[in-house]
Amino acid sequence: MKAKFKGPVIQRRGQIDGSTTDQRLLDSRGQSDWVHTDPWRVLRIQAEFIEGFGALAELGAAIAVFGSARTPTDDPAYAQAMDVGHKLVGAGFAVITGGGPGAMEAANRGASEAGGVSVGLGVELPFEAGLNEWVDIGINFRYFFVRKTMFVKYSQGFIVLPGGIGTLDEMFEAVTLAQTQKVTEFPVVLVGTEYWSGLMDWLRDTVLATGKIGQSDLDRLVLTDDVDEAVALMVAARDRHA
């Protein structure tokens, strides 16, 4: 059955609306009633921050795992994502994903089945129905920027599995925050050399070669096929900060 989550609210059938909370916040077209309504939206945004901080404050060491919602269960990448979740728990981490299907579900499943803490940070979307069943601690946000803050604040590193626009957005935002020293340095590991090599080649041969980034920016991204290596890099970073 088709459903849509708006924060903690679920809509089904004829009650599903055609826009998102972010869209209404950011859309400047139309009547000037935004002058009166936007200040009230601040209270809802504040409430989302409070809810997220309250739910995750005692989470402990955690790693964010990003990847495609479109990864089918019979794809080798699904099994690899499960392995990532399982081994992160074995290394003493909680696992945080976007809480959706595909690779996110697999990482949550691996973490949950390993007896660890499996966290899902969902967001209101017109085409996804809430959090996957393997999320043990779940928060569904209305606003993307609040959700992104939770990823960055409560993750000590990022493991990036094959994914699309959303995955790229999350990965590059993490690198940008590190580059601009908005956050403490943390590892960003891309798992899947065949999938990510084209992007890395372009960054090196075009973006770096034309001076748009520095070598240190490129060095922030580690490319591997080895899940054990990815987890070991997260452990090493945790030990350095400790």
C-alpha atoms as a PDB file:
ATOM      1  CA  MET A   1       0.000   0.000   0.000  1.00  0.00           C
ATOM      2  CA  LYS A   2       1.334   3.425  -0.929  1.00  0.00           C
ATOM      3  CA  ALA A   3       2.172   5.581   2.060  1.00  0.00           C
ATOM      4  CA  LYS A   4       4.058   8.765   2.859  1.00  0.00           C
ATOM      5  CA  PHE A   5       5.675   9.883   6.095  1.00  0.00           C
ATOM      6  CA  LYS A   6       5.750  13.553   7.133  1.00  0.00           C
ATOM      7  CA  GLY A   7       7.940  13.475  10.211  1.00  0.00           C
ATOM      8  CA  PRO A   8       6.061  11.254  12.674  1.00  0.00           C
ATOM      9  CA  VAL A   9       2.834  11.468  10.638  1.00  0.00           C
ATOM     10  CA  ILE A  10       1.894   8.792   8.074  1.00  0.00           C
ATOM     11  CA  GLN A  11      -0.434   9.452   5.156  1.00  0.00           C
ATOM     12  CA  ARG A  12      -2.127   6.791   3.020  1.00  0.00           C
ATOM     13  CA  ARG A  13      -4.500   6.675   0.061  1.00  0.00           C
ATOM     14  CA  GLY A  14      -6.364   9.927  -0.536  1.00  0.00           C
ATOM     15  CA  GLN A  15      -4.620  11.728   2.330  1.00  0.00           C
ATOM     16  CA  ILE A  16      -1.205  11.759   0.610  1.00  0.00           C
ATOM     17  CA  ASP A  17      -0.329  15.323  -0.386  1.00  0.00           C
ATOM     18  CA  GLY A  18       1.687  16.276  -3.438  1.00  0.00           C
ATOM     19  CA  SER A  19       4.531  18.281  -1.933  1.00  0.00           C
ATOM     20  CA  THR A  20       7.132  18.074   0.816  1.00  0.00           C
ATOM     21  CA  THR A  21       7.746  20.250   3.851  1.00  0.00           C
ATOM     22  CA  ASP A  22      11.154  21.275   2.484  1.00  0.00           C
ATOM     23  CA  GLN A  23       9.552  22.306  -0.802  1.00  0.00           C
ATOM     24  CA  ARG A  24       7.050  24.557   0.931  1.00  0.00           C
ATOM     25  CA  LEU A  25       9.772  26.093   3.087  1.00  0.00           C
ATOM     26  CA  LEU A  26      12.114  26.841   0.181  1.00  0.00           C
ATOM     27  CA  ASP A  27       9.571  27.834  -2.453  1.00  0.00           C
ATOM     28  CA  SER A  28       9.436  31.654  -2.691  1.00  0.00           C
ATOM     29  CA  ARG A  29       6.720  31.756  -5.357  1.00  0.00           C
ATOM     30  CA  GLY A  30       3.095  32.517  -4.675  1.00  0.00           C
ATOM     31  CA  GLN A  31       1.374  34.718  -2.125  1.00  0.00           C
ATOM     32  CA  SER A  32       3.239  36.655   0.533  1.00  0.00           C
ATOM     33  CA  ASP A  33       1.674  34.667   3.369  1.00  0.00           C
ATOM     34  CA  TRP A  34       5.156  33.210   3.938  1.00  0.00           C
ATOM     35  CA  VAL A  35       5.851  36.390   5.914  1.00  0.00           C
ATOM     36  CA  HIS A  36       3.435  35.107   8.520  1.00  0.00           C
ATOM     37  CA  THR A  37       3.994  31.354   8.289  1.00  0.00           C
ATOM     38  CA  ASP A  38       7.803  31.019   8.102  1.00  0.00           C
ATOM     39  CA  PRO A  39       8.434  32.227  11.670  1.00  0.00           C
ATOM     40  CA  TRP A  40       6.171  29.436  12.892  1.00  0.00           C
ATOM     41  CA  ARG A  41       8.119  26.900  10.835  1.00  0.00           C
ATOM     42  CA  VAL A  42      11.146  27.746  12.968  1.00  0.00           C
ATOM     43  CA  LEU A  43       9.402  26.087  15.917  1.00  0.00           C
ATOM     44  CA  ARG A  44       8.909  22.893  13.946  1.00  0.00           C
ATOM     45  CA  ILE A  45      12.557  22.970  12.818  1.00  0.00           C
ATOM     46  CA  GLN A  46      13.630  23.530  16.413  1.00  0.00           C
ATOM     47  CA  ALA A  47      11.504  20.594  17.530  1.00  0.00           C
ATOM     48  CA  GLU A  48      13.179  18.320  14.971  1.00  0.00           C
ATOM     49  CA  PHE A  49      16.628  19.269  16.238  1.00  0.00           C
ATOM     50  CA  ILE A  50      15.558  18.636  19.835  1.00  0.00           C
ATOM     51  CA  GLU A  51      14.015  15.279  18.907  1.00  0.00           C
ATOM     52  CA  GLY A  52      17.150  14.176  17.064  1.00  0.00           C
ATOM     53  CA  PHE A  53      19.571  15.339  19.733  1.00  0.00           C
ATOM     54  CA  GLY A  54      17.493  13.694  22.437  1.00  0.00           C
ATOM     55  CA  ALA A  55      17.273  10.350  20.642  1.00  0.00           C
ATOM     56  CA  LEU A  56      20.961  10.129  19.706  1.00  0.00           C
ATOM     57  CA  ALA A  57      22.798  11.881  22.548  1.00  0.00           C
ATOM     58  CA  GLU A  58      23.830   8.593  24.196  1.00  0.00           C
ATOM     59  CA  LEU A  59      24.436   6.653  21.007  1.00  0.00           C
ATOM     60  CA  GLY A  60      28.201   6.313  21.415  1.00  0.00           C
ATOM     61  CA  ALA A  61      30.670   5.704  18.602  1.00  0.00           C
ATOM     62  CA  ALA A  62      28.825   5.377  15.286  1.00  0.00           C
ATOM     63  CA  ILE A  63      29.545   5.185  11.576  1.00  0.00           C
ATOM     64  CA  ALA A  64      27.232   6.418   8.824  1.00  0.00           C
ATOM     65  CA  VAL A  65      26.717   4.062   5.900  1.00  0.00           C
ATOM     66  CA  PHE A  66      25.429   5.618   2.682  1.00  0.00           C
ATOM     67  CA  GLY A  67      24.191   3.748  -0.394  1.00  0.00           C
ATOM     68  CA  SER A  68      21.443   3.373  -2.932  1.00  0.00           C
ATOM     69  CA  ALA A  69      17.828   2.782  -1.982  1.00  0.00           C
ATOM     70  CA  ARG A  70      17.523   0.943  -5.319  1.00  0.00           C
ATOM     71  CA  THR A  71      19.931  -1.895  -4.508  1.00  0.00           C
ATOM     72  CA  PRO A  72      17.896  -5.128  -4.813  1.00  0.00           C
ATOM     73  CA  THR A  73      18.224  -7.889  -2.238  1.00  0.00           C
ATOM     74  CA  ASP A  74      19.821 -10.265  -4.764  1.00  0.00           C
ATOM     75  CA  ASP A  75      22.527  -7.768  -5.733  1.00  0.00           C
ATOM     76  CA  PRO A  76      26.030  -8.574  -4.411  1.00  0.00           C
ATOM     77  CA  ALA A  77      26.122  -4.999  -3.123  1.00  0.00           C
ATOM     78  CA  TYR A  78      23.256  -5.844  -0.749  1.00  0.00           C
ATOM     79  CA  ALA A  79      25.246  -8.680   0.808  1.00  0.00           C
ATOM     80  CA  GLN A  80      28.288  -6.413   1.003  1.00  0.00           C
ATOM     81  CA  ALA A  81      26.266  -3.746   2.810  1.00  0.00           C
ATOM     82  CA  MET A  82      25.088  -6.363   5.309  1.00  0.00           C
ATOM     83  CA  ASP A  83      28.708  -7.336   5.842  1.00  0.00           C
ATOM     84  CA  VAL A  84      29.601  -3.689   6.465  1.00  0.00           C
ATOM     85  CA  GLY A  85      26.892  -3.362   9.123  1.00  0.00           C
ATOM     86  CA  HIS A  86      27.866  -6.635  10.779  1.00  0.00           C
ATOM     87  CA  LYS A  87      31.579  -5.830  10.946  1.00  0.00           C
ATOM     88  CA  LEU A  88      31.070  -2.292  12.177  1.00  0.00           C
ATOM     89  CA  VAL A  89      29.118  -3.691  15.115  1.00  0.00           C
ATOM     90  CA  GLY A  90      31.903  -6.205  15.690  1.00  0.00           C
ATOM     91  CA  ALA A  91      34.323  -3.283  15.911  1.00  0.00           C
ATOM     92  CA  GLY A  92      32.195  -1.562  18.540  1.00  0.00           C
ATOM     93  CA  PHE A  93      30.263   0.919  16.406  1.00  0.00           C
ATOM     94  CA  ALA A  94      26.601   1.710  16.028  1.00  0.00           C
ATOM     95  CA  VAL A  95      25.451   1.941  12.396  1.00  0.00           C
ATOM     96  CA  ILE A  96      23.550   4.941  11.063  1.00  0.00           C
ATOM     97  CA  THR A  97      21.834   4.938   7.665  1.00  0.00           C
ATOM     98  CA  GLY A  98      19.139   6.946   5.933  1.00  0.00           C
ATOM     99  CA  GLY A  99      16.722   4.262   7.071  1.00  0.00           C
ATOM    100  CA  GLY A 100      15.408   3.474   3.604  1.00  0.00           C
ATOM    101  CA  PRO A 101      15.422   0.307   1.479  1.00  0.00           C
ATOM    102  CA  GLY A 102      18.258  -1.146  -0.591  1.00  0.00           C
ATOM    103  CA  ALA A 103      21.807  -0.699   0.699  1.00  0.00           C
ATOM    104  CA  MET A 104      20.546   1.218   3.724  1.00  0.00           C
ATOM    105  CA  GLU A 105      18.264  -1.641   4.706  1.00  0.00           C
ATOM    106  CA  ALA A 106      21.117  -4.105   4.239  1.00  0.00           C
ATOM    107  CA  ALA A 107      23.497  -2.172   6.497  1.00  0.00           C
ATOM    108  CA  ASN A 108      20.789  -1.825   9.154  1.00  0.00           C
ATOM    109  CA  ARG A 109      20.037  -5.519   8.844  1.00  0.00           C
ATOM    110  CA  GLY A 110      23.673  -6.503   9.245  1.00  0.00           C
ATOM    111  CA  ALA A 111      23.982  -4.329  12.333  1.00  0.00           C
ATOM    112  CA  SER A 112      20.742  -5.538  13.895  1.00  0.00           C
ATOM    113  CA  GLU A 113      21.438  -9.216  13.257  1.00  0.00           C
ATOM    114  CA  ALA A 114      24.901  -8.753  14.801  1.00  0.00           C
ATOM    115  CA  GLY A 115      23.256  -7.525  17.981  1.00  0.00           C
ATOM    116  CA  GLY A 116      24.373  -3.926  17.583  1.00  0.00           C
ATOM    117  CA  VAL A 117      22.588  -0.595  17.478  1.00  0.00           C
ATOM    118  CA  SER A 118      20.931  -0.014  14.099  1.00  0.00           C
ATOM    119  CA  VAL A 119      19.861   3.577  13.506  1.00  0.00           C
ATOM    120  CA  GLY A 120      17.774   4.986  10.665  1.00  0.00           C
ATOM    121  CA  LEU A 121      17.418   8.692   9.944  1.00  0.00           C
ATOM    122  CA  GLY A 122      14.553   8.963   7.490  1.00  0.00           C
ATOM    123  CA  VAL A 123      13.207  12.006   5.710  1.00  0.00           C
ATOM    124  CA  GLU A 124       9.906  12.952   4.141  1.00  0.00           C
ATOM    125  CA  LEU A 125       9.969  11.926   0.473  1.00  0.00           C
ATOM    126  CA  PRO A 126       7.131  11.555  -2.030  1.00  0.00           C
ATOM    127  CA  PHE A 127       8.313   8.097  -3.139  1.00  0.00           C
ATOM    128  CA  GLU A 128       9.483   6.240  -0.001  1.00  0.00           C
ATOM    129  CA  ALA A 129       7.286   4.878   2.781  1.00  0.00           C
ATOM    130  CA  GLY A 130       9.126   5.263   6.050  1.00  0.00           C
ATOM    131  CA  LEU A 131      11.924   3.323   7.712  1.00  0.00           C
ATOM    132  CA  ASN A 132      12.981  -0.214   6.935  1.00  0.00           C
ATOM    133  CA  GLU A 133      12.163  -3.020   9.366  1.00  0.00           C
ATOM    134  CA  TRP A 134      15.779  -3.448  10.531  1.00  0.00           C
ATOM    135  CA  VAL A 135      15.978   0.004  12.109  1.00  0.00           C
ATOM    136  CA  ASP A 136      16.029  -0.293  15.914  1.00  0.00           C
ATOM    137  CA  ILE A 137      16.229   3.446  16.623  1.00  0.00           C
ATOM    138  CA  GLY A 138      14.449   5.479  13.990  1.00  0.00           C
ATOM    139  CA  ILE A 139      13.719   9.159  13.481  1.00  0.00           C
ATOM    140  CA  ASN A 140      11.792  10.463  10.513  1.00  0.00           C
ATOM    141  CA  PHE A 141      12.550  14.105   9.685  1.00  0.00           C
ATOM    142  CA  ARG A 142      10.655  16.661   7.655  1.00  0.00           C
ATOM    143  CA  TYR A 143      13.725  18.730   6.783  1.00  0.00           C
ATOM    144  CA  PHE A 144      16.790  17.462   4.936  1.00  0.00           C
ATOM    145  CA  PHE A 145      19.144  19.907   6.620  1.00  0.00           C
ATOM    146  CA  VAL A 146      18.139  18.749  10.114  1.00  0.00           C
ATOM    147  CA  ARG A 147      18.702  15.131   9.109  1.00  0.00           C
ATOM    148  CA  LYS A 148      22.115  15.971   7.621  1.00  0.00           C
ATOM    149  CA  THR A 149      23.138  17.638  10.864  1.00  0.00           C
ATOM    150  CA  MET A 150      22.379  14.410  12.738  1.00  0.00           C
ATOM    151  CA  PHE A 151      24.523  12.369  10.347  1.00  0.00           C
ATOM    152  CA  VAL A 152      27.491  14.670  10.791  1.00  0.00           C
ATOM    153  CA  LYS A 153      27.134  15.232  14.530  1.00  0.00           C
ATOM    154  CA  TYR A 154      26.799  11.584  15.538  1.00  0.00           C
ATOM    155  CA  SER A 155      29.050   9.814  12.990  1.00  0.00           C
ATOM    156  CA  GLN A 156      32.786   9.353  13.427  1.00  0.00           C
ATOM    157  CA  GLY A 157      33.258   8.266   9.830  1.00  0.00           C
ATOM    158  CA  PHE A 158      31.452   7.494   6.590  1.00  0.00           C
ATOM    159  CA  ILE A 159      31.371   4.350   4.482  1.00  0.00           C
ATOM    160  CA  VAL A 160      29.914   5.000   1.043  1.00  0.00           C
ATOM    161  CA  LEU A 161      28.462   2.119  -0.969  1.00  0.00           C
ATOM    162  CA  PRO A 162      27.364   2.376  -4.623  1.00  0.00           C
ATOM    163  CA  GLY A 163      24.557   4.877  -4.900  1.00  0.00           C
ATOM    164  CA  GLY A 164      23.003   7.716  -6.848  1.00  0.00           C
ATOM    165  CA  ILE A 165      22.296  11.414  -6.385  1.00  0.00           C
ATOM    166  CA  GLY A 166      21.450  11.197  -2.689  1.00  0.00           C
ATOM    167  CA  THR A 167      24.561   9.163  -1.933  1.00  0.00           C
ATOM    168  CA  LEU A 168      26.752  11.597  -3.868  1.00  0.00           C
ATOM    169  CA  ASP A 169      25.182  14.515  -2.018  1.00  0.00           C
ATOM    170  CA  GLU A 170      25.898  12.947   1.366  1.00  0.00           C
ATOM    171  CA  MET A 171      29.445  12.001   0.413  1.00  0.00           C
ATOM    172  CA  PHE A 172      30.433  15.390  -1.005  1.00  0.00           C
ATOM    173  CA  GLU A 173      28.815  17.268   1.856  1.00  0.00           C
ATOM    174  CA  ALA A 174      30.930  15.258   4.306  1.00  0.00           C
ATOM    175  CA  VAL A 175      34.087  16.053   2.314  1.00  0.00           C
ATOM    176  CA  THR A 176      33.150  19.739   2.039  1.00  0.00           C
ATOM    177  CA  LEU A 177      32.643  20.059   5.783  1.00  0.00           C
ATOM    178  CA  ALA A 178      36.044  18.477   6.408  1.00  0.00           C
ATOM    179  CA  GLN A 179      37.727  20.612   3.738  1.00  0.00           C
ATOM    180  CA  THR A 180      36.341  23.826   5.205  1.00  0.00           C
ATOM    181  CA  GLN A 181      37.162  22.683   8.764  1.00  0.00           C
ATOM    182  CA  LYS A 182      33.546  22.850   9.828  1.00  0.00           C
ATOM    183  CA  VAL A 183      33.967  19.407  11.402  1.00  0.00           C
ATOM    184  CA  THR A 184      36.818  17.426  12.902  1.00  0.00           C
ATOM    185  CA  GLU A 185      38.623  15.288  10.348  1.00  0.00           C
ATOM    186  CA  PHE A 186      37.012  11.878   9.770  1.00  0.00           C
ATOM    187  CA  PRO A 187      37.491   9.052   7.270  1.00  0.00           C
ATOM    188  CA  VAL A 188      35.379   8.770   4.124  1.00  0.00           C
ATOM    189  CA  VAL A 189      35.714   5.363   2.460  1.00  0.00           C
ATOM    190  CA  LEU A 190      34.184   4.451  -0.903  1.00  0.00           C
ATOM    191  CA  VAL A 191      33.529   0.721  -1.158  1.00  0.00           C
ATOM    192  CA  GLY A 192      33.449  -0.613  -4.735  1.00  0.00           C
ATOM    193  CA  THR A 193      36.414   0.190  -6.981  1.00  0.00           C
ATOM    194  CA  GLU A 194      34.619  -0.693 -10.211  1.00  0.00           C
ATOM    195  CA  TYR A 195      31.710   1.584  -9.358  1.00  0.00           C
ATOM    196  CA  TRP A 196      33.669   4.551  -8.004  1.00  0.00           C
ATOM    197  CA  SER A 197      36.821   4.506 -10.154  1.00  0.00           C
ATOM    198  CA  GLY A 198      35.305   6.685 -12.888  1.00  0.00           C
ATOM    199  CA  LEU A 199      34.435   9.372 -10.358  1.00  0.00           C
ATOM    200  CA  MET A 200      37.874   9.214  -8.769  1.00  0.00           C
ATOM    201  CA  ASP A 201      39.550   9.414 -12.194  1.00  0.00           C
ATOM    202  CA  TRP A 202      37.512  12.499 -13.059  1.00  0.00           C
ATOM    203  CA  LEU A 203      38.332  14.161  -9.747  1.00  0.00           C
ATOM    204  CA  ARG A 204      42.041  13.494 -10.280  1.00  0.00           C
ATOM    205  CA  ASP A 205      42.389  14.062 -14.037  1.00  0.00           C
ATOM    206  CA  THR A 206      39.983  16.997 -14.409  1.00  0.00           C
ATOM    207  CA  VAL A 207      39.147  18.678 -11.108  1.00  0.00           C
ATOM    208  CA  LEU A 208      42.577  18.321  -9.500  1.00  0.00           C
ATOM    209  CA  ALA A 209      44.456  18.821 -12.777  1.00  0.00           C
ATOM    210  CA  THR A 210      42.751  22.163 -13.377  1.00  0.00           C
ATOM    211  CA  GLY A 211      43.409  23.367  -9.849  1.00  0.00           C
ATOM    212  CA  LYS A 212      39.833  23.283  -8.609  1.00  0.00           C
ATOM    213  CA  ILE A 213      40.801  21.127  -5.613  1.00  0.00           C
ATOM    214  CA  GLY A 214      44.052  20.251  -3.884  1.00  0.00           C
ATOM    215  CA  GLN A 215      45.668  16.857  -3.465  1.00  0.00           C
ATOM    216  CA  SER A 216      44.713  16.918   0.203  1.00  0.00           C
ATOM    217  CA  ASP A 217      41.050  17.140  -0.832  1.00  0.00           C
ATOM    218  CA  LEU A 218      41.357  14.073  -3.019  1.00  0.00           C
ATOM    219  CA  ASP A 219      43.231  12.240  -0.276  1.00  0.00           C
ATOM    220  CA  ARG A 220      40.191  12.535   1.953  1.00  0.00           C
ATOM    221  CA  LEU A 221      38.536   9.803  -0.130  1.00  0.00           C
ATOM    222  CA  VAL A 222      39.776   6.229   0.227  1.00  0.00           C
ATOM    223  CA  LEU A 223      38.727   3.686  -2.410  1.00  0.00           C
ATOM    224  CA  THR A 224      38.600  -0.027  -1.631  1.00  0.00           C
ATOM    225  CA  ASP A 225      36.793  -3.303  -2.246  1.00  0.00           C
ATOM    226  CA  ASP A 226      37.773  -4.674   1.155  1.00  0.00           C
ATOM    227  CA  VAL A 227      35.140  -4.272   3.865  1.00  0.00           C
ATOM    228  CA  ASP A 228      37.700  -5.204   6.519  1.00  0.00           C
ATOM    229  CA  GLU A 229      39.939  -2.358   5.337  1.00  0.00           C
ATOM    230  CA  ALA A 230      37.042   0.095   5.451  1.00  0.00           C
ATOM    231  CA  VAL A 231      36.186  -0.906   9.027  1.00  0.00           C
ATOM    232  CA  ALA A 232      39.853  -0.831  10.053  1.00  0.00           C
ATOM    233  CA  LEU A 233      40.109   2.769   8.854  1.00  0.00           C
ATOM    234  CA  MET A 234      37.127   3.675  11.044  1.00  0.00           C
ATOM    235  CA  VAL A 235      38.746   1.968  14.035  1.00  0.00           C
ATOM    236  CA  ALA A 236      42.072   3.725  13.433  1.00  0.00           C
ATOM    237  CA  ALA A 237      40.351   7.106  13.280  1.00  0.00           C
ATOM    238  CA  ARG A 238      38.494   6.373  16.520  1.00  0.00           C
ATOM    239  CA  ASP A 239      41.725   5.376  18.241  1.00  0.00           C
ATOM    240  CA  ARG A 240      43.489   8.537  17.071  1.00  0.00           C
ATOM    241  CA  HIS A 241      40.754  10.767  18.435  1.00  0.00           C
ATOM    242  CA  ALA A 242      40.638   8.812  21.691  1.00  0.00           C
END
